[in-house]
Protein backbone atom coordinates (compact mmCIF):
# COMPACT_ATOMS: atom_id res chain seq x y z
CA MET A 1 -0.11 -0.12 -0.21
CA THR A 2 1.47 3.47 -0.77
CA GLY A 3 -0.30 6.88 0.40
CA SER A 4 0.23 10.94 0.15
CA LEU A 5 0.36 11.55 4.30
CA PRO A 6 3.38 12.27 5.20
CA ILE A 7 6.30 10.33 7.41
CA MET A 8 6.71 12.46 10.00
CA VAL A 9 9.86 12.58 12.07
CA GLY A 10 11.53 14.83 14.57
CA ALA A 11 15.12 15.87 14.11
CA ASP A 12 17.53 17.87 16.98
CA GLY A 13 20.81 16.37 15.81
CA SER A 14 21.19 13.75 18.45
CA ALA A 15 22.82 10.42 17.40
CA MET A 16 18.91 9.09 18.03
CA SER A 17 17.18 11.35 16.03
CA LEU A 18 19.13 10.57 13.06
CA ASP A 19 18.70 7.24 13.27
CA ALA A 20 15.15 8.43 13.32
CA VAL A 21 15.94 10.23 10.28
CA ARG A 22 17.18 7.28 8.50
CA TRP A 23 14.38 5.00 9.42
CA ALA A 24 11.88 7.17 8.42
CA ALA A 25 13.35 8.11 5.17
CA GLU A 26 13.14 4.28 4.50
CA ASP A 27 9.89 3.56 5.16
CA ALA A 28 8.71 6.74 3.34
CA ALA A 29 10.51 5.28 0.49
CA ARG A 30 9.01 2.05 0.54
CA ARG A 31 5.93 3.51 0.55
CA ARG A 32 6.54 6.40 -1.73
CA ALA A 33 4.83 8.75 0.73
CA PRO A 34 7.17 12.06 1.06
CA LEU A 35 8.62 12.96 4.56
CA TRP A 36 8.32 15.72 6.64
CA ILE A 37 11.57 16.62 8.77
CA VAL A 38 10.51 18.87 11.94
CA SER A 39 12.91 20.75 14.11
CA VAL A 40 11.90 22.56 17.36
CA LEU A 41 14.20 24.41 18.94
CA SER A 42 13.29 25.85 22.77
CA ASP A 43 12.69 29.83 23.10
CA PRO A 44 15.25 30.71 25.09
CA CYS A 45 13.71 34.14 26.52
CA ILE A 46 11.65 31.44 28.31
CA TYR A 47 14.74 30.89 30.75
CA CYS A 48 16.63 33.71 30.03
CA GLY A 49 15.86 37.57 31.79
CA PRO A 50 16.90 41.13 30.42
CA GLY A 51 20.43 41.60 28.99
CA PHE A 52 20.58 37.79 26.99
CA PRO A 53 22.97 38.62 24.35
CA SER A 54 20.76 38.49 21.11
CA SER A 55 24.14 36.83 19.62
CA LEU A 56 23.93 33.62 21.52
CA VAL A 57 20.12 33.33 20.48
CA VAL A 58 21.40 33.50 16.26
CA ASP A 59 23.85 31.12 16.52
CA ARG A 60 21.43 28.50 18.15
CA GLU A 61 18.96 29.20 15.35
CA THR A 62 22.09 29.02 12.40
CA THR A 63 23.07 25.48 14.38
CA ALA A 64 19.49 24.02 14.75
CA LYS A 65 19.14 24.71 11.16
CA ALA A 66 22.45 23.33 9.91
CA ARG A 67 21.08 20.31 12.04
CA LEU A 68 18.04 19.96 9.37
CA ALA A 69 19.72 20.72 6.89
CA GLU A 70 22.35 17.83 7.24
CA ALA A 71 18.74 15.54 8.96
CA ALA A 72 17.06 16.40 5.10
CA ALA A 73 20.60 15.32 3.22
CA LEU A 74 20.72 12.05 5.39
CA ALA A 75 16.77 11.39 4.61
CA ALA A 76 17.71 11.75 0.97
CA ASP A 77 20.59 9.39 1.47
CA ALA A 78 19.21 6.84 3.15
CA ALA A 79 16.09 6.43 1.06
CA LYS A 80 18.33 6.68 -2.18
CA GLU A 81 18.85 3.04 -2.79
CA LEU A 82 14.49 3.07 -2.29
CA GLY A 83 13.78 5.53 -4.67
CA ALA A 84 13.66 8.63 -4.57
CA ILE A 85 11.71 10.65 -2.12
CA THR A 86 10.06 14.28 -1.53
CA VAL A 87 11.88 15.66 1.48
CA ARG A 88 10.19 18.92 3.18
CA THR A 89 11.67 20.31 6.64
CA GLU A 90 9.94 22.44 9.05
CA PHE A 91 12.05 25.14 11.97
CA LEU A 92 10.38 25.76 14.43
CA VAL A 93 10.66 28.36 17.63
CA GLY A 94 8.61 27.02 20.63
CA ALA A 95 7.62 23.98 22.82
CA ALA A 96 8.60 20.66 21.03
CA ILE A 97 5.65 18.48 22.17
CA PRO A 98 2.62 20.91 21.18
CA ALA A 99 4.43 21.56 18.10
CA LEU A 100 4.87 18.23 16.99
CA LEU A 101 1.27 16.92 18.36
CA GLU A 102 -0.28 19.34 16.33
CA ARG A 103 1.48 18.14 13.22
CA ALA A 104 1.41 14.54 14.14
CA ALA A 105 -2.80 15.05 13.12
CA THR A 106 -1.88 15.36 9.88
CA ALA A 107 0.79 12.80 9.27
CA ARG A 108 0.81 8.99 9.08
CA MET A 109 3.45 8.09 10.69
CA VAL A 110 5.54 10.14 13.37
CA VAL A 111 8.69 8.68 14.27
CA LEU A 112 10.99 9.96 17.06
CA GLY A 113 14.77 8.82 19.01
CA LEU A 114 13.74 7.32 22.04
CA ARG A 115 15.23 10.03 23.40
CA GLY A 116 16.99 13.88 21.96
CA LEU A 117 19.75 16.30 23.05
CA ALA A 118 17.58 17.50 25.72
CA GLU A 119 17.22 14.41 27.59
CA PHE A 120 19.40 12.85 30.29
CA SER A 121 21.43 10.16 29.47
CA GLY A 122 20.02 8.02 32.13
CA GLY A 123 16.65 8.52 31.36
CA LEU A 124 15.56 4.99 30.00
CA VAL A 125 12.27 7.33 27.06
CA GLY A 126 12.97 10.87 26.52
CA SER A 127 9.82 13.11 27.24
CA VAL A 128 8.93 13.95 23.67
CA ALA A 129 8.58 10.20 22.76
CA SER A 130 6.76 9.17 25.49
CA ALA A 131 4.08 12.04 24.83
CA LEU A 132 3.48 11.45 21.45
CA ALA A 133 3.63 8.11 21.77
CA GLU A 134 0.23 8.75 24.87
CA HIS A 135 -1.67 11.14 22.47
CA ALA A 136 -0.38 11.62 18.98
CA PRO A 137 -3.62 10.19 16.97
CA CYS A 138 -1.26 8.69 13.93
CA LEU A 139 1.29 5.48 14.21
CA VAL A 140 4.31 6.86 16.46
CA ALA A 141 7.44 4.23 15.87
CA ILE A 142 10.34 4.60 18.68
CA VAL A 143 13.92 4.13 17.65
CA ARG A 144 16.26 3.22 20.04
CA GLY A 145 19.17 2.97 17.23
CA VAL A 146 19.82 1.34 14.09
CA PRO A 147 22.64 -0.55 12.21
CA SER A 148 24.08 2.00 10.07
CA PRO A 149 24.98 0.96 6.03
CA GLU A 150 28.00 -0.36 7.02
CA GLN A 151 26.78 -2.28 9.71
CA THR A 152 24.89 -5.72 9.34
CA GLY A 153 22.16 -6.08 11.89
CA PHE A 154 18.38 -6.57 12.56
CA PRO A 155 18.51 -9.28 10.13
CA GLY A 156 14.98 -10.58 11.06
CA GLY A 157 11.70 -9.89 10.10
CA VAL A 158 8.41 -7.73 11.48
CA VAL A 159 7.05 -9.29 15.04
CA VAL A 160 3.33 -8.70 16.18
CA GLY A 161 1.69 -8.55 19.77
CA VAL A 162 -1.88 -9.85 19.18
CA ASP A 163 -3.77 -10.20 22.22
CA GLY A 164 -7.60 -11.11 20.15
CA THR A 165 -9.25 -8.57 20.92
CA ARG A 166 -10.73 -6.42 18.05
CA SER A 167 -8.49 -3.70 18.83
CA SER A 168 -5.37 -5.59 17.54
CA GLU A 169 -7.05 -5.71 13.72
CA SER A 170 -5.54 -2.04 13.13
CA VAL A 171 -2.10 -3.85 14.27
CA ILE A 172 -2.23 -6.65 12.31
CA ALA A 173 -3.36 -4.74 9.58
CA ALA A 174 0.08 -2.31 10.08
CA ALA A 175 2.52 -5.21 10.90
CA PHE A 176 1.01 -7.28 7.39
CA GLU A 177 1.94 -4.25 5.51
CA GLU A 178 5.17 -3.28 7.12
CA ALA A 179 5.89 -7.09 6.40
CA SER A 180 4.71 -6.95 2.52
CA LEU A 181 7.04 -3.51 2.51
CA ARG A 182 10.41 -5.14 3.42
CA GLY A 183 9.54 -8.35 2.20
CA VAL A 184 10.24 -10.08 5.52
CA ALA A 185 8.62 -13.13 7.60
CA LEU A 186 5.99 -11.71 10.09
CA THR A 187 6.03 -13.78 13.34
CA ALA A 188 2.12 -13.35 15.78
CA VAL A 189 2.64 -13.75 19.49
CA HIS A 190 -0.18 -14.51 21.45
CA ALA A 191 -0.08 -14.49 24.86
CA VAL A 192 -3.13 -16.45 26.52
CA THR A 193 -3.19 -14.12 29.92
CA ASP A 194 -0.93 -10.62 30.54
CA PHE A 195 -0.84 -12.56 33.97
CA SER A 196 1.87 -14.48 35.91
CA VAL A 197 0.44 -18.46 35.29
CA ALA A 198 2.47 -19.37 38.50
CA THR A 199 1.40 -16.64 40.38
CA VAL A 200 -1.71 -16.50 39.69
CA PHE A 201 -2.92 -20.21 39.59
CA ALA A 202 0.05 -20.34 42.86
CA ASN A 203 -2.40 -22.49 44.62
CA ILE A 204 -3.72 -24.89 41.56
CA LYS A 205 -1.08 -28.31 41.43
CA GLU A 206 -1.66 -28.01 37.56
CA VAL A 207 -2.64 -25.42 35.05
CA ASP A 208 -4.48 -27.48 31.79
CA TRP A 209 -1.84 -25.46 29.54
CA PRO A 210 -2.55 -27.71 26.60
CA THR A 211 -5.99 -27.15 26.70
CA SER A 212 -5.10 -23.41 26.90
CA ALA A 213 -2.28 -23.47 24.13
CA SER A 214 -5.37 -24.83 22.07
CA THR A 215 -7.18 -21.82 22.73
CA GLY A 216 -4.76 -19.55 22.17
CA ASP A 217 -3.66 -21.04 19.04
CA MET A 218 -7.41 -20.57 17.53
CA ALA A 219 -7.71 -16.67 19.38
CA LEU A 220 -4.86 -15.85 16.88
CA ALA A 221 -5.55 -17.99 13.74
CA GLU A 222 -8.74 -16.25 14.43
CA SER A 223 -7.31 -12.92 14.66
CA LEU A 224 -4.90 -13.49 11.71
CA ALA A 225 -7.84 -14.91 9.47
CA GLY A 226 -8.05 -13.13 6.23
CA TRP A 227 -4.85 -11.34 6.03
CA SER A 228 -3.13 -13.81 4.73
CA GLN A 229 -5.04 -14.03 1.81
CA GLN A 230 -4.66 -10.68 1.43
CA TYR A 231 -1.11 -10.41 1.56
CA PRO A 232 0.17 -13.78 0.12
CA ASP A 233 3.84 -12.82 0.26
CA VAL A 234 3.83 -12.48 3.69
CA ALA A 235 5.15 -15.70 5.36
CA VAL A 236 3.48 -15.94 8.80
CA ARG A 237 4.61 -17.80 12.09
CA LYS A 238 2.17 -18.21 14.70
CA VAL A 239 3.55 -18.56 18.59
CA VAL A 240 1.43 -18.87 21.63
CA VAL A 241 2.74 -18.54 24.62
CA LYS A 242 1.57 -18.90 28.46
CA ASP A 243 1.90 -15.53 30.22
CA HIS A 244 4.25 -12.35 30.06
CA PRO A 245 3.34 -10.79 26.74
CA ALA A 246 5.98 -8.18 27.23
CA GLN A 247 8.68 -10.59 27.90
CA ASN A 248 7.95 -13.00 25.63
CA LEU A 249 7.74 -9.89 22.28
CA ILE A 250 11.24 -8.75 23.25
CA ARG A 251 12.45 -12.19 23.18
CA HIS A 252 10.87 -12.92 20.23
CA ALA A 253 11.98 -9.59 18.47
CA GLU A 254 15.66 -9.69 19.37
CA SER A 255 16.85 -9.30 16.05
CA ALA A 256 13.25 -8.14 14.44
CA GLN A 257 13.33 -5.35 11.81
CA LEU A 258 10.79 -4.11 13.64
CA LEU A 259 7.79 -4.56 16.70
CA VAL A 260 4.26 -3.70 16.01
CA VAL A 261 1.99 -3.28 18.81
CA GLY A 262 -1.35 -1.73 20.31
CA SER A 263 -1.42 1.61 22.16
CA HIS A 264 -3.35 -0.64 24.56
CA GLY A 265 -4.63 -4.43 24.74
CA ARG A 266 -7.02 -6.89 25.99
CA GLY A 267 -6.16 -4.95 29.74
CA GLY A 268 -7.14 -1.39 29.23
CA PHE A 269 -9.52 0.53 30.62
CA ALA A 270 -11.06 2.54 27.62
CA GLY A 271 -9.77 6.00 28.97
CA MET A 272 -6.24 4.90 28.94
CA LEU A 273 -3.39 6.35 26.08
CA LEU A 274 -0.70 3.62 27.12
CA GLY A 275 -1.01 0.20 28.17
CA SER A 276 1.00 -2.16 30.19
CA THR A 277 2.88 -3.77 27.44
CA SER A 278 3.69 -1.10 24.99
CA ARG A 279 4.71 1.31 27.93
CA THR A 280 7.43 -1.42 28.91
CA LEU A 281 8.45 -2.50 25.11
CA MET A 282 9.17 1.78 25.05
CA HIS A 283 11.84 1.14 27.65
CA LYS A 284 13.06 -2.10 27.04
CA ALA A 285 12.49 -3.44 23.10
CA GLU A 286 15.79 -2.76 21.26
CA CYS A 287 14.42 -2.41 17.49
CA PRO A 288 12.29 0.41 16.32
CA LEU A 289 8.89 0.08 18.05
CA LEU A 290 6.00 0.99 15.80
CA ILE A 291 2.57 1.85 17.91
CA VAL A 292 -0.62 1.67 16.84
CA ARG A 293 -3.31 3.57 18.22
CA SER A 294 -6.76 1.25 19.18
CA ALA A 295 -10.02 2.47 17.90
């Protein structure tokens, strides 16, 4: 599938944001979609009193615009083997989170590095990435890092978490599309329960796992029904596990190109913006993570 809605990526010059730019450019090229690179510089007037040298403000803006130009050149180079893309850049001064959220409303996907220049190195997830994952109305891709063109890495396919609810349909659709665009296999992982079987059933001598596994197989097959016909080029591997969906997804996605999950699953309350599984994966998944907003 292709579309005219842009792939938007935030760029601040940090190593993770440049990885996000490369990833976004390749995804845009596969979709034959335009790429929109947005750089937001905080307003120094918020933090500085009278007498703050105006030359420093000019220097900051000059540096930021140079980084934006660098990101655009990197994007064009990253996408060239997959096809030329249209790259649009936008430089803004203000607060990053509201600016990016406003623009995400007109994008197909927003792509962000896990942390930016302003984030503390010890933080697992940056404030901008966390806020966009919580509130953006479109697909959100969080990129911790990607192999350079000279390196080999992420040799696997696409992994998707399937919880058997109706909200999984949009997640499965996104995963099949990404696998098809990349020409790789899809691994669908379904956990029978989100809770630890050993803890919940501590007083039960034996849990009938074969029956639970059979039920899980049926639920997974029902969730995937029809998608293989729509994407006959995508080989599908089905995996049913007892519990701990986040831990199992991390294990199966160790060498994956992409891990796809819903914003919240069967255990989420209707008002929740981000479920526990997707939140855990933001912190711990090593490969790029695609969060699909649940209906």
